Amino acid sequence: MRNRGNREGSANENLKLEISNFSPPRRLVKVHRSYVTVAGLLLSLLALGCSKRVSIDDPTKPAILNLTTSGNVHWIDVAIRGHIDGSAAVMGYSFTQAVSGDFDVMLRRGEWYRPAYELRYFPTNVKSGRVTVCYRFRKAGL
């Protein structure tokens, strides 16, 4: 029986060695990572569940966005995403966020009791791009 146990031990060690030496083809890894990135963006859109989208018409120029709703508000979600050739600062209540290249940033998620939110966009050397703000005001109990 000892010999049989030794052979099983050797087989397990060989199997562990083969598994640890396994590496998927690089092409498969690159495709997999791109799917993970796309899936992550889609999940962030679903998680945010934004009800409204506003685009900045000309990302090369500063912009002030007034996000509004009606009724009693208890919560707000605000995200900004897009691509710019350059960099920009995005300012909201109590924060400043730097963005550049491709970005997808949750700017604000939390209690908010006013039916308006002001967001300011200040580009620096932006030559082109697209910027979208996605937001949702939530009422009590929702």
N, C-alpha and C. Protein backbone atom coordinates (compact mmCIF):
# COMPACT_ATOMS: atom_id res chain seq x y z
N MET A 1 0.81 -1.18 0.00
CA MET A 1 0.00 0.00 0.00
C MET A 1 0.86 1.25 0.00
N ARG A 2 2.00 1.20 0.62
CA ARG A 2 2.85 2.38 0.65
C ARG A 2 3.30 2.79 -0.74
N ASN A 3 3.62 1.82 -1.55
CA ASN A 3 4.05 2.14 -2.92
C ASN A 3 2.94 2.84 -3.68
N ARG A 4 1.73 2.34 -3.49
CA ARG A 4 0.59 2.95 -4.17
C ARG A 4 0.42 4.41 -3.70
N GLY A 5 0.55 4.64 -2.38
CA GLY A 5 0.46 6.00 -1.84
C GLY A 5 1.54 6.90 -2.42
N ASN A 6 2.71 6.39 -2.57
CA ASN A 6 3.80 7.18 -3.14
C ASN A 6 3.52 7.54 -4.59
N ARG A 7 2.98 6.57 -5.32
CA ARG A 7 2.66 6.86 -6.72
C ARG A 7 1.58 7.93 -6.82
N GLU A 8 0.56 7.87 -5.95
CA GLU A 8 -0.48 8.89 -5.95
C GLU A 8 0.09 10.25 -5.58
N GLY A 9 0.99 10.27 -4.60
CA GLY A 9 1.63 11.51 -4.21
C GLY A 9 2.42 12.09 -5.37
N SER A 10 3.12 11.26 -6.10
CA SER A 10 3.90 11.74 -7.25
C SER A 10 2.98 12.27 -8.33
N ALA A 11 1.87 11.59 -8.56
CA ALA A 11 0.93 12.04 -9.58
C ALA A 11 0.36 13.40 -9.21
N ASN A 12 0.01 13.58 -7.93
CA ASN A 12 -0.52 14.87 -7.48
C ASN A 12 0.53 15.97 -7.64
N GLU A 13 1.77 15.64 -7.30
CA GLU A 13 2.84 16.64 -7.45
C GLU A 13 3.03 17.00 -8.91
N ASN A 14 2.97 16.01 -9.81
CA ASN A 14 3.11 16.28 -11.25
C ASN A 14 1.96 17.14 -11.75
N LEU A 15 0.76 16.85 -11.28
CA LEU A 15 -0.41 17.63 -11.68
C LEU A 15 -0.27 19.08 -11.20
N LYS A 16 0.16 19.27 -9.96
CA LYS A 16 0.38 20.63 -9.45
C LYS A 16 1.43 21.35 -10.27
N LEU A 17 2.49 20.64 -10.64
CA LEU A 17 3.56 21.23 -11.43
C LEU A 17 3.04 21.65 -12.79
N GLU A 18 2.23 20.80 -13.44
CA GLU A 18 1.68 21.12 -14.75
C GLU A 18 0.74 22.32 -14.66
N ILE A 19 -0.10 22.38 -13.63
CA ILE A 19 -1.04 23.49 -13.48
C ILE A 19 -0.28 24.79 -13.22
N SER A 20 0.73 24.74 -12.37
CA SER A 20 1.46 25.96 -12.06
C SER A 20 2.26 26.46 -13.26
N ASN A 21 2.65 25.59 -14.17
CA ASN A 21 3.40 26.01 -15.35
C ASN A 21 2.49 26.46 -16.49
N PHE A 22 1.17 26.31 -16.32
CA PHE A 22 0.22 26.68 -17.37
C PHE A 22 0.06 28.20 -17.45
N SER A 23 0.15 28.72 -18.64
CA SER A 23 -0.17 30.14 -18.85
C SER A 23 -0.94 30.24 -20.16
N PRO A 24 -2.09 30.95 -20.15
CA PRO A 24 -2.90 31.05 -21.35
C PRO A 24 -2.16 31.85 -22.41
N PRO A 25 -2.49 31.62 -23.68
CA PRO A 25 -1.86 32.39 -24.76
C PRO A 25 -2.09 33.88 -24.54
N ARG A 26 -1.10 34.71 -24.88
CA ARG A 26 -1.20 36.15 -24.67
C ARG A 26 -2.41 36.75 -25.40
N ARG A 27 -2.73 36.26 -26.56
CA ARG A 27 -3.87 36.78 -27.30
C ARG A 27 -5.17 36.61 -26.51
N LEU A 28 -5.32 35.47 -25.88
CA LEU A 28 -6.50 35.20 -25.06
C LEU A 28 -6.56 36.15 -23.88
N VAL A 29 -5.42 36.42 -23.25
CA VAL A 29 -5.38 37.33 -22.11
C VAL A 29 -5.77 38.74 -22.53
N LYS A 30 -5.30 39.22 -23.68
CA LYS A 30 -5.63 40.57 -24.14
C LYS A 30 -7.13 40.69 -24.42
N VAL A 31 -7.70 39.71 -25.07
CA VAL A 31 -9.14 39.74 -25.36
C VAL A 31 -9.91 39.71 -24.05
N HIS A 32 -9.47 38.87 -23.14
CA HIS A 32 -10.16 38.75 -21.85
C HIS A 32 -10.13 40.08 -21.09
N ARG A 33 -9.02 40.77 -21.07
CA ARG A 33 -8.92 42.04 -20.37
C ARG A 33 -9.82 43.09 -20.99
N SER A 34 -9.92 43.11 -22.32
CA SER A 34 -10.80 44.10 -22.95
C SER A 34 -12.26 43.82 -22.61
N TYR A 35 -12.63 42.53 -22.53
CA TYR A 35 -14.00 42.20 -22.14
C TYR A 35 -14.26 42.62 -20.70
N VAL A 36 -13.27 42.46 -19.83
CA VAL A 36 -13.42 42.86 -18.44
C VAL A 36 -13.62 44.37 -18.35
N THR A 37 -12.86 45.14 -19.14
CA THR A 37 -12.99 46.60 -19.13
C THR A 37 -14.38 47.01 -19.59
N VAL A 38 -14.86 46.45 -20.70
CA VAL A 38 -16.19 46.78 -21.22
C VAL A 38 -17.26 46.35 -20.22
N ALA A 39 -17.11 45.17 -19.65
CA ALA A 39 -18.09 44.70 -18.66
C ALA A 39 -18.10 45.61 -17.45
N GLY A 40 -16.94 46.08 -17.03
CA GLY A 40 -16.87 46.99 -15.88
C GLY A 40 -17.60 48.29 -16.15
N LEU A 41 -17.44 48.84 -17.37
CA LEU A 41 -18.14 50.07 -17.72
C LEU A 41 -19.64 49.85 -17.75
N LEU A 42 -20.06 48.72 -18.32
CA LEU A 42 -21.50 48.44 -18.37
C LEU A 42 -22.07 48.24 -16.96
N LEU A 43 -21.33 47.56 -16.10
CA LEU A 43 -21.81 47.37 -14.73
C LEU A 43 -21.89 48.68 -13.98
N SER A 44 -20.95 49.59 -14.23
CA SER A 44 -21.02 50.88 -13.54
C SER A 44 -22.23 51.66 -14.02
N LEU A 45 -22.57 51.54 -15.31
CA LEU A 45 -23.79 52.20 -15.80
C LEU A 45 -25.02 51.60 -15.15
N LEU A 46 -25.06 50.28 -15.05
CA LEU A 46 -26.22 49.62 -14.43
C LEU A 46 -26.29 49.93 -12.94
N ALA A 47 -25.15 49.94 -12.28
CA ALA A 47 -25.15 50.21 -10.84
C ALA A 47 -25.60 51.64 -10.56
N LEU A 48 -25.16 52.56 -11.39
CA LEU A 48 -25.57 53.94 -11.20
C LEU A 48 -27.05 54.09 -11.51
N GLY A 49 -27.52 53.42 -12.55
CA GLY A 49 -28.92 53.51 -12.91
C GLY A 49 -29.33 54.94 -13.18
N CYS A 50 -28.47 55.66 -13.89
CA CYS A 50 -28.73 57.08 -14.09
C CYS A 50 -30.01 57.28 -14.89
N SER A 51 -30.74 58.31 -14.52
CA SER A 51 -31.99 58.58 -15.22
C SER A 51 -31.82 59.68 -16.25
N LYS A 52 -30.75 60.47 -16.13
CA LYS A 52 -30.54 61.55 -17.09
C LYS A 52 -29.08 61.62 -17.49
N ARG A 53 -28.88 62.03 -18.74
CA ARG A 53 -27.52 62.22 -19.28
C ARG A 53 -27.45 63.59 -19.91
N VAL A 54 -26.32 64.25 -19.68
CA VAL A 54 -26.06 65.55 -20.28
C VAL A 54 -24.66 65.49 -20.87
N SER A 55 -24.51 65.93 -22.11
CA SER A 55 -23.20 65.99 -22.73
C SER A 55 -22.68 67.42 -22.71
N ILE A 56 -21.39 67.55 -22.55
CA ILE A 56 -20.76 68.86 -22.68
C ILE A 56 -20.54 69.07 -24.17
N ASP A 57 -21.18 70.11 -24.71
CA ASP A 57 -21.16 70.34 -26.16
C ASP A 57 -19.75 70.48 -26.73
N ASP A 58 -18.91 71.27 -26.09
CA ASP A 58 -17.55 71.51 -26.57
C ASP A 58 -16.58 71.30 -25.42
N PRO A 59 -15.97 70.10 -25.33
CA PRO A 59 -15.09 69.81 -24.20
C PRO A 59 -13.80 70.63 -24.19
N THR A 60 -13.56 71.43 -25.22
CA THR A 60 -12.36 72.27 -25.23
C THR A 60 -12.59 73.58 -24.48
N LYS A 61 -13.86 73.85 -24.11
CA LYS A 61 -14.20 75.09 -23.41
C LYS A 61 -14.80 74.80 -22.03
N PRO A 62 -14.60 75.72 -21.08
CA PRO A 62 -15.21 75.53 -19.74
C PRO A 62 -16.73 75.47 -19.83
N ALA A 63 -17.34 74.74 -18.90
CA ALA A 63 -18.79 74.60 -18.89
C ALA A 63 -19.29 74.51 -17.45
N ILE A 64 -20.49 75.04 -17.25
CA ILE A 64 -21.18 74.89 -15.97
C ILE A 64 -22.48 74.15 -16.25
N LEU A 65 -22.68 73.04 -15.60
CA LEU A 65 -23.89 72.24 -15.79
C LEU A 65 -24.74 72.36 -14.54
N ASN A 66 -26.00 72.71 -14.71
CA ASN A 66 -26.97 72.76 -13.62
C ASN A 66 -27.88 71.55 -13.74
N LEU A 67 -27.66 70.59 -12.88
CA LEU A 67 -28.45 69.37 -12.87
C LEU A 67 -29.64 69.61 -11.94
N THR A 68 -30.85 69.40 -12.44
CA THR A 68 -32.03 69.72 -11.65
C THR A 68 -33.08 68.61 -11.70
N THR A 69 -33.99 68.69 -10.73
CA THR A 69 -35.15 67.81 -10.66
C THR A 69 -36.23 68.56 -9.92
N SER A 70 -37.37 67.93 -9.72
CA SER A 70 -38.44 68.56 -8.95
C SER A 70 -38.80 67.67 -7.77
N GLY A 71 -39.41 68.25 -6.77
CA GLY A 71 -39.85 67.48 -5.61
C GLY A 71 -38.79 67.35 -4.54
N ASN A 72 -39.12 66.56 -3.55
CA ASN A 72 -38.21 66.33 -2.42
C ASN A 72 -37.13 65.33 -2.82
N VAL A 73 -35.89 65.69 -2.58
CA VAL A 73 -34.75 64.86 -2.94
C VAL A 73 -34.04 64.43 -1.67
N HIS A 74 -33.56 63.18 -1.66
CA HIS A 74 -32.82 62.69 -0.50
C HIS A 74 -31.48 62.08 -0.88
N TRP A 75 -31.19 61.93 -2.16
CA TRP A 75 -29.97 61.25 -2.59
C TRP A 75 -29.64 61.70 -4.00
N ILE A 76 -28.33 61.68 -4.33
CA ILE A 76 -27.91 61.99 -5.69
C ILE A 76 -26.74 61.09 -6.08
N ASP A 77 -26.73 60.68 -7.34
CA ASP A 77 -25.61 59.96 -7.96
C ASP A 77 -25.17 60.79 -9.15
N VAL A 78 -23.87 61.07 -9.26
CA VAL A 78 -23.34 61.83 -10.39
C VAL A 78 -22.06 61.15 -10.85
N ALA A 79 -22.00 60.83 -12.13
CA ALA A 79 -20.79 60.24 -12.72
C ALA A 79 -20.45 61.00 -13.99
N ILE A 80 -19.17 61.01 -14.32
CA ILE A 80 -18.73 61.65 -15.56
C ILE A 80 -17.86 60.64 -16.29
N ARG A 81 -18.05 60.55 -17.60
CA ARG A 81 -17.27 59.60 -18.39
C ARG A 81 -17.03 60.16 -19.78
N GLY A 82 -16.03 59.65 -20.43
CA GLY A 82 -15.73 60.08 -21.77
C GLY A 82 -14.26 59.94 -22.10
N HIS A 83 -13.83 60.73 -23.08
CA HIS A 83 -12.44 60.75 -23.51
C HIS A 83 -12.09 62.17 -23.92
N ILE A 84 -10.97 62.67 -23.42
CA ILE A 84 -10.48 63.98 -23.85
C ILE A 84 -9.00 63.88 -24.20
N ASP A 85 -8.61 64.68 -25.19
CA ASP A 85 -7.22 64.79 -25.59
C ASP A 85 -6.64 65.97 -24.83
N GLY A 86 -6.21 65.73 -23.61
CA GLY A 86 -5.73 66.77 -22.71
C GLY A 86 -6.16 66.41 -21.30
N SER A 87 -6.32 67.41 -20.45
CA SER A 87 -6.77 67.15 -19.09
C SER A 87 -7.79 68.21 -18.69
N ALA A 88 -8.53 67.91 -17.65
CA ALA A 88 -9.56 68.84 -17.18
C ALA A 88 -9.77 68.63 -15.68
N ALA A 89 -10.33 69.65 -15.05
CA ALA A 89 -10.75 69.56 -13.66
C ALA A 89 -12.27 69.63 -13.63
N VAL A 90 -12.87 68.76 -12.86
CA VAL A 90 -14.32 68.75 -12.69
C VAL A 90 -14.57 69.09 -11.22
N MET A 91 -15.41 70.10 -10.99
CA MET A 91 -15.67 70.55 -9.62
C MET A 91 -17.15 70.46 -9.30
N GLY A 92 -17.43 69.97 -8.13
CA GLY A 92 -18.78 69.90 -7.63
C GLY A 92 -18.76 70.30 -6.17
N TYR A 93 -19.83 70.02 -5.48
CA TYR A 93 -19.91 70.36 -4.07
C TYR A 93 -18.86 69.57 -3.29
N SER A 94 -17.91 70.23 -2.71
CA SER A 94 -16.86 69.70 -1.84
C SER A 94 -15.86 68.75 -2.50
N PHE A 95 -15.66 68.82 -3.80
CA PHE A 95 -14.62 68.00 -4.43
C PHE A 95 -14.12 68.65 -5.71
N THR A 96 -12.91 68.27 -6.10
CA THR A 96 -12.35 68.58 -7.41
C THR A 96 -11.72 67.29 -7.91
N GLN A 97 -12.05 66.91 -9.14
CA GLN A 97 -11.55 65.66 -9.71
C GLN A 97 -10.82 65.96 -11.01
N ALA A 98 -9.57 65.51 -11.14
CA ALA A 98 -8.82 65.66 -12.38
C ALA A 98 -9.14 64.47 -13.29
N VAL A 99 -9.36 64.74 -14.59
CA VAL A 99 -9.61 63.68 -15.56
C VAL A 99 -8.74 63.92 -16.79
N SER A 100 -8.41 62.84 -17.48
CA SER A 100 -7.67 62.92 -18.74
C SER A 100 -7.80 61.60 -19.47
N GLY A 101 -7.55 61.63 -20.77
CA GLY A 101 -7.65 60.40 -21.57
C GLY A 101 -9.04 59.81 -21.46
N ASP A 102 -9.12 58.48 -21.33
CA ASP A 102 -10.39 57.79 -21.10
C ASP A 102 -10.68 57.82 -19.60
N PHE A 103 -11.90 58.15 -19.23
CA PHE A 103 -12.24 58.20 -17.81
C PHE A 103 -13.68 57.81 -17.58
N ASP A 104 -13.94 57.29 -16.40
CA ASP A 104 -15.28 56.90 -15.95
C ASP A 104 -15.24 57.03 -14.44
N VAL A 105 -15.71 58.15 -13.91
CA VAL A 105 -15.52 58.48 -12.51
C VAL A 105 -16.85 58.75 -11.82
N MET A 106 -17.06 58.10 -10.68
CA MET A 106 -18.21 58.42 -9.83
C MET A 106 -17.83 59.66 -9.04
N LEU A 107 -18.51 60.76 -9.27
CA LEU A 107 -18.17 62.02 -8.63
C LEU A 107 -18.87 62.20 -7.30
N ARG A 108 -20.12 61.86 -7.25
CA ARG A 108 -20.89 62.10 -6.02
C ARG A 108 -21.91 60.98 -5.88
N ARG A 109 -21.97 60.41 -4.72
CA ARG A 109 -22.99 59.41 -4.42
C ARG A 109 -23.29 59.55 -2.94
N GLY A 110 -24.48 60.06 -2.64
CA GLY A 110 -24.80 60.20 -1.24
C GLY A 110 -25.99 61.09 -0.99
N GLU A 111 -26.20 61.37 0.27
CA GLU A 111 -27.34 62.18 0.68
C GLU A 111 -27.24 63.57 0.05
N TRP A 112 -28.37 64.06 -0.42
CA TRP A 112 -28.47 65.37 -1.04
C TRP A 112 -29.91 65.81 -0.91
N TYR A 113 -30.14 66.99 -0.37
CA TYR A 113 -31.51 67.40 -0.07
C TYR A 113 -31.97 68.62 -0.86
N ARG A 114 -31.30 68.91 -1.94
CA ARG A 114 -31.71 70.04 -2.78
C ARG A 114 -32.06 69.52 -4.18
N PRO A 115 -32.98 70.19 -4.87
CA PRO A 115 -33.37 69.73 -6.21
C PRO A 115 -32.44 70.23 -7.32
N ALA A 116 -31.25 70.72 -6.98
CA ALA A 116 -30.30 71.20 -7.99
C ALA A 116 -28.88 70.86 -7.54
N TYR A 117 -28.02 70.65 -8.53
CA TYR A 117 -26.61 70.36 -8.28
C TYR A 117 -25.81 71.02 -9.39
N GLU A 118 -24.79 71.79 -9.03
CA GLU A 118 -23.98 72.48 -10.03
C GLU A 118 -22.65 71.75 -10.19
N LEU A 119 -22.30 71.50 -11.44
CA LEU A 119 -21.05 70.83 -11.79
C LEU A 119 -20.28 71.73 -12.74
N ARG A 120 -19.00 71.97 -12.46
CA ARG A 120 -18.17 72.85 -13.29
C ARG A 120 -17.06 72.03 -13.95
N TYR A 121 -16.83 72.32 -15.23
CA TYR A 121 -15.82 71.62 -16.02
C TYR A 121 -14.82 72.65 -16.54
N PHE A 122 -13.54 72.45 -16.21
CA PHE A 122 -12.48 73.38 -16.62
C PHE A 122 -11.39 72.61 -17.37
N PRO A 123 -11.37 72.69 -18.73
CA PRO A 123 -10.35 71.96 -19.50
C PRO A 123 -9.00 72.69 -19.50
N THR A 124 -7.94 71.92 -19.66
CA THR A 124 -6.60 72.46 -19.80
C THR A 124 -5.97 71.83 -21.04
N ASN A 125 -5.75 72.62 -22.05
CA ASN A 125 -5.13 72.14 -23.30
C ASN A 125 -5.89 70.97 -23.93
N VAL A 126 -7.20 70.95 -23.84
CA VAL A 126 -8.00 69.90 -24.47
C VAL A 126 -8.21 70.28 -25.94
N LYS A 127 -7.82 69.38 -26.83
CA LYS A 127 -7.95 69.64 -28.26
C LYS A 127 -9.23 69.04 -28.85
N SER A 128 -9.68 67.95 -28.26
CA SER A 128 -10.91 67.30 -28.73
C SER A 128 -11.39 66.33 -27.67
N GLY A 129 -12.58 65.78 -27.88
CA GLY A 129 -13.07 64.76 -26.97
C GLY A 129 -14.57 64.73 -26.87
N ARG A 130 -15.05 63.91 -25.94
CA ARG A 130 -16.47 63.80 -25.64
C ARG A 130 -16.60 63.57 -24.14
N VAL A 131 -17.55 64.26 -23.54
CA VAL A 131 -17.75 64.17 -22.09
C VAL A 131 -19.25 64.06 -21.82
N THR A 132 -19.64 63.08 -21.05
CA THR A 132 -21.03 62.89 -20.69
C THR A 132 -21.16 62.80 -19.17
N VAL A 133 -22.14 63.50 -18.65
CA VAL A 133 -22.45 63.44 -17.23
C VAL A 133 -23.74 62.64 -17.09
N CYS A 134 -23.72 61.66 -16.22
CA CYS A 134 -24.87 60.81 -15.97
C CYS A 134 -25.28 61.04 -14.52
N TYR A 135 -26.56 61.33 -14.29
CA TYR A 135 -26.97 61.63 -12.91
C TYR A 135 -28.37 61.14 -12.61
N ARG A 136 -28.62 61.02 -11.30
CA ARG A 136 -29.94 60.59 -10.83
C ARG A 136 -30.18 61.19 -9.47
N PHE A 137 -31.31 61.86 -9.33
CA PHE A 137 -31.78 62.31 -8.02
C PHE A 137 -32.76 61.25 -7.53
N ARG A 138 -32.68 60.91 -6.25
CA ARG A 138 -33.61 59.92 -5.70
C ARG A 138 -34.44 60.56 -4.60
N LYS A 139 -35.66 60.17 -4.57
CA LYS A 139 -36.59 60.68 -3.56
C LYS A 139 -36.61 59.73 -2.37
N ALA A 140 -37.21 60.13 -1.30
CA ALA A 140 -37.27 59.30 -0.08
C ALA A 140 -37.94 57.97 -0.38
N GLY A 141 -37.37 56.90 0.13
CA GLY A 141 -37.98 55.58 -0.01
C GLY A 141 -37.67 54.91 -1.31
N LEU A 142 -36.90 55.50 -2.19
CA LEU A 142 -36.57 54.86 -3.47
C LEU A 142 -35.13 54.47 -3.53
